N, C-alpha and C. Protein backbone atom coordinates (compact mmCIF):
# COMPACT_ATOMS: atom_id res chain seq x y z
N MET A 1 0.84 -1.19 0.00
CA MET A 1 0.00 0.00 0.00
C MET A 1 0.87 1.24 0.00
N ASN A 2 0.35 2.27 -0.58
CA ASN A 2 1.02 3.55 -0.63
C ASN A 2 1.21 4.10 0.79
N PRO A 3 2.46 4.42 1.17
CA PRO A 3 2.70 4.94 2.53
C PRO A 3 1.93 6.24 2.81
N PHE A 4 1.68 7.02 1.78
CA PHE A 4 0.93 8.27 1.94
C PHE A 4 -0.48 7.98 2.45
N ILE A 5 -1.13 6.95 1.91
CA ILE A 5 -2.49 6.61 2.33
C ILE A 5 -2.51 6.11 3.77
N SER A 6 -1.54 5.26 4.11
CA SER A 6 -1.51 4.77 5.49
C SER A 6 -1.24 5.91 6.47
N ASP A 7 -0.41 6.87 6.07
CA ASP A 7 -0.17 8.04 6.94
C ASP A 7 -1.45 8.86 7.13
N ILE A 8 -2.22 9.03 6.06
CA ILE A 8 -3.47 9.77 6.17
C ILE A 8 -4.41 9.07 7.15
N ILE A 9 -4.48 7.74 7.07
CA ILE A 9 -5.32 6.97 8.00
C ILE A 9 -4.83 7.16 9.43
N GLY A 10 -3.53 7.13 9.63
CA GLY A 10 -2.96 7.36 10.96
C GLY A 10 -3.27 8.74 11.50
N TYR A 11 -3.15 9.75 10.65
CA TYR A 11 -3.47 11.11 11.07
C TYR A 11 -4.96 11.29 11.35
N LEU A 12 -5.80 10.62 10.57
CA LEU A 12 -7.25 10.67 10.82
C LEU A 12 -7.56 10.11 12.21
N ALA A 13 -6.95 8.98 12.53
CA ALA A 13 -7.14 8.39 13.87
C ALA A 13 -6.65 9.33 14.96
N LEU A 14 -5.52 9.97 14.72
CA LEU A 14 -4.97 10.91 15.69
C LEU A 14 -5.91 12.09 15.92
N VAL A 15 -6.43 12.67 14.85
CA VAL A 15 -7.34 13.81 14.97
C VAL A 15 -8.61 13.40 15.71
N MET A 16 -9.15 12.23 15.37
CA MET A 16 -10.37 11.78 16.06
C MET A 16 -10.10 11.53 17.54
N ASN A 17 -8.95 10.96 17.84
CA ASN A 17 -8.61 10.70 19.24
C ASN A 17 -8.47 12.01 20.02
N LEU A 18 -7.82 13.00 19.43
CA LEU A 18 -7.69 14.30 20.09
C LEU A 18 -9.06 14.96 20.26
N TYR A 19 -9.90 14.83 19.25
CA TYR A 19 -11.25 15.39 19.35
C TYR A 19 -12.03 14.72 20.48
N SER A 20 -11.88 13.41 20.61
CA SER A 20 -12.61 12.71 21.67
C SER A 20 -12.21 13.22 23.05
N MET A 21 -10.94 13.57 23.21
CA MET A 21 -10.48 14.08 24.51
C MET A 21 -11.02 15.46 24.81
N SER A 22 -11.40 16.20 23.77
CA SER A 22 -11.92 17.55 24.00
C SER A 22 -13.44 17.57 24.13
N SER A 23 -14.07 16.43 23.90
CA SER A 23 -15.53 16.40 23.94
C SER A 23 -16.03 16.37 25.38
N LYS A 24 -17.23 16.89 25.55
CA LYS A 24 -17.83 16.91 26.88
C LYS A 24 -18.75 15.70 27.01
N GLY A 25 -18.66 15.06 28.12
CA GLY A 25 -19.51 13.90 28.38
C GLY A 25 -18.79 12.60 28.06
N GLU A 26 -18.93 11.68 28.98
CA GLU A 26 -18.24 10.40 28.84
C GLU A 26 -18.75 9.59 27.66
N TYR A 27 -20.04 9.64 27.40
CA TYR A 27 -20.61 8.84 26.32
C TYR A 27 -20.00 9.24 24.98
N LYS A 28 -20.00 10.53 24.68
CA LYS A 28 -19.45 11.00 23.41
C LYS A 28 -17.96 10.70 23.32
N LEU A 29 -17.24 10.90 24.42
CA LEU A 29 -15.81 10.61 24.44
C LEU A 29 -15.55 9.15 24.07
N ARG A 30 -16.32 8.26 24.66
CA ARG A 30 -16.10 6.83 24.41
C ARG A 30 -16.50 6.40 23.00
N VAL A 31 -17.56 6.98 22.47
CA VAL A 31 -17.98 6.64 21.11
C VAL A 31 -16.91 7.08 20.11
N VAL A 32 -16.49 8.34 20.20
CA VAL A 32 -15.50 8.86 19.26
C VAL A 32 -14.16 8.15 19.44
N SER A 33 -13.78 7.90 20.68
CA SER A 33 -12.52 7.22 20.94
C SER A 33 -12.55 5.78 20.43
N SER A 34 -13.69 5.12 20.52
CA SER A 34 -13.82 3.76 19.97
C SER A 34 -13.57 3.77 18.46
N ILE A 35 -14.17 4.74 17.79
CA ILE A 35 -13.98 4.86 16.34
C ILE A 35 -12.52 5.16 16.02
N ALA A 36 -11.93 6.08 16.77
CA ALA A 36 -10.52 6.43 16.55
C ALA A 36 -9.62 5.22 16.75
N ASN A 37 -9.87 4.45 17.80
CA ASN A 37 -9.04 3.27 18.05
C ASN A 37 -9.26 2.19 16.98
N ALA A 38 -10.47 2.08 16.46
CA ALA A 38 -10.71 1.13 15.37
C ALA A 38 -9.92 1.54 14.13
N ILE A 39 -9.84 2.85 13.88
CA ILE A 39 -9.03 3.33 12.75
C ILE A 39 -7.56 3.07 13.02
N TYR A 40 -7.13 3.23 14.27
CA TYR A 40 -5.75 2.90 14.62
C TYR A 40 -5.45 1.41 14.37
N VAL A 41 -6.41 0.55 14.62
CA VAL A 41 -6.22 -0.88 14.35
C VAL A 41 -5.96 -1.08 12.85
N LEU A 42 -6.79 -0.43 12.02
CA LEU A 42 -6.58 -0.50 10.57
C LEU A 42 -5.19 0.02 10.21
N TYR A 43 -4.82 1.14 10.78
CA TYR A 43 -3.49 1.71 10.55
C TYR A 43 -2.39 0.72 10.96
N GLY A 44 -2.58 0.08 12.11
CA GLY A 44 -1.60 -0.91 12.57
C GLY A 44 -1.44 -2.05 11.58
N PHE A 45 -2.55 -2.52 11.00
CA PHE A 45 -2.46 -3.56 9.98
C PHE A 45 -1.72 -3.06 8.75
N LEU A 46 -1.99 -1.84 8.36
CA LEU A 46 -1.36 -1.29 7.16
C LEU A 46 0.15 -1.15 7.31
N ILE A 47 0.60 -0.78 8.50
CA ILE A 47 2.04 -0.61 8.71
C ILE A 47 2.66 -1.83 9.40
N GLU A 48 1.84 -2.85 9.61
CA GLU A 48 2.29 -4.12 10.22
C GLU A 48 2.91 -3.90 11.59
N ALA A 49 2.19 -3.18 12.45
CA ALA A 49 2.66 -2.87 13.80
C ALA A 49 1.77 -3.59 14.81
N ILE A 50 2.23 -4.74 15.26
CA ILE A 50 1.47 -5.57 16.19
C ILE A 50 1.13 -4.83 17.49
N PRO A 51 2.06 -4.05 18.09
CA PRO A 51 1.71 -3.35 19.33
C PRO A 51 0.52 -2.38 19.16
N ILE A 52 0.46 -1.69 18.03
CA ILE A 52 -0.67 -0.79 17.77
C ILE A 52 -1.95 -1.58 17.62
N ILE A 53 -1.89 -2.67 16.88
CA ILE A 53 -3.07 -3.52 16.68
C ILE A 53 -3.59 -4.04 18.01
N LEU A 54 -2.70 -4.59 18.83
CA LEU A 54 -3.12 -5.15 20.13
C LEU A 54 -3.64 -4.08 21.08
N GLY A 55 -2.87 -3.02 21.25
CA GLY A 55 -3.26 -1.98 22.20
C GLY A 55 -4.57 -1.32 21.84
N CYS A 56 -4.74 -1.00 20.58
CA CYS A 56 -5.96 -0.31 20.17
C CYS A 56 -7.15 -1.26 20.12
N SER A 57 -6.92 -2.53 19.84
CA SER A 57 -8.01 -3.52 19.90
C SER A 57 -8.53 -3.64 21.33
N ILE A 58 -7.62 -3.68 22.28
CA ILE A 58 -8.01 -3.74 23.69
C ILE A 58 -8.76 -2.46 24.08
N ALA A 59 -8.27 -1.31 23.61
CA ALA A 59 -8.94 -0.04 23.91
C ALA A 59 -10.36 -0.02 23.36
N VAL A 60 -10.56 -0.52 22.14
CA VAL A 60 -11.91 -0.57 21.55
C VAL A 60 -12.81 -1.43 22.43
N CYS A 61 -12.33 -2.59 22.84
CA CYS A 61 -13.14 -3.48 23.69
C CYS A 61 -13.49 -2.81 25.02
N LEU A 62 -12.53 -2.13 25.63
CA LEU A 62 -12.79 -1.45 26.90
C LEU A 62 -13.80 -0.32 26.74
N HIS A 63 -13.67 0.45 25.67
CA HIS A 63 -14.63 1.53 25.43
C HIS A 63 -16.03 0.97 25.20
N LEU A 64 -16.13 -0.08 24.40
CA LEU A 64 -17.45 -0.67 24.12
C LEU A 64 -18.07 -1.25 25.38
N TYR A 65 -17.25 -1.88 26.21
CA TYR A 65 -17.75 -2.42 27.48
C TYR A 65 -18.29 -1.29 28.36
N ARG A 66 -17.53 -0.20 28.44
CA ARG A 66 -17.96 0.93 29.27
C ARG A 66 -19.21 1.58 28.70
N LEU A 67 -19.30 1.67 27.36
CA LEU A 67 -20.51 2.21 26.74
C LEU A 67 -21.73 1.37 27.08
N LYS A 68 -21.54 0.05 27.07
CA LYS A 68 -22.64 -0.84 27.43
C LYS A 68 -23.05 -0.59 28.88
N SER A 69 -22.08 -0.42 29.76
CA SER A 69 -22.37 -0.14 31.17
C SER A 69 -23.10 1.19 31.31
N LEU A 70 -22.68 2.20 30.55
CA LEU A 70 -23.34 3.51 30.61
C LEU A 70 -24.79 3.40 30.14
N ASN A 71 -25.01 2.65 29.08
CA ASN A 71 -26.37 2.47 28.57
C ASN A 71 -27.24 1.72 29.57
N THR A 72 -26.69 0.71 30.21
CA THR A 72 -27.43 -0.06 31.20
C THR A 72 -27.80 0.82 32.39
N THR A 73 -26.85 1.62 32.84
CA THR A 73 -27.09 2.52 33.97
C THR A 73 -28.14 3.56 33.59
N SER A 74 -28.08 4.09 32.38
CA SER A 74 -29.06 5.08 31.93
C SER A 74 -30.44 4.46 31.86
N ASN A 75 -30.53 3.23 31.37
CA ASN A 75 -31.82 2.56 31.28
C ASN A 75 -32.38 2.26 32.66
N ASP A 76 -31.52 1.94 33.64
CA ASP A 76 -31.99 1.67 35.00
C ASP A 76 -32.60 2.92 35.64
N HIS A 77 -32.03 4.09 35.32
CA HIS A 77 -32.54 5.33 35.89
C HIS A 77 -33.86 5.76 35.25
N ARG A 78 -34.15 5.29 34.06
CA ARG A 78 -35.38 5.68 33.37
C ARG A 78 -36.58 4.93 33.86
N LYS A 79 -36.41 3.83 34.56
CA LYS A 79 -37.52 3.00 35.01
C LYS A 79 -38.27 3.64 36.15
């Protein structure tokens, strides 16, 4: 693959990750950060970097787990 394209994907993930840190509210932070980390996983595959693939895959799972917990807690309060 063209290194320019993989760099663009890496920078996209970086921008999304920085945006997630500036967002207000845990839910939005976790949604955007999950997407950013998923893009980082793609980037890791493109540049064949196992540490990026592993670390960001774990981060995606943790964010999704926490999002599920947030949704469950929100639903419990609505009853």
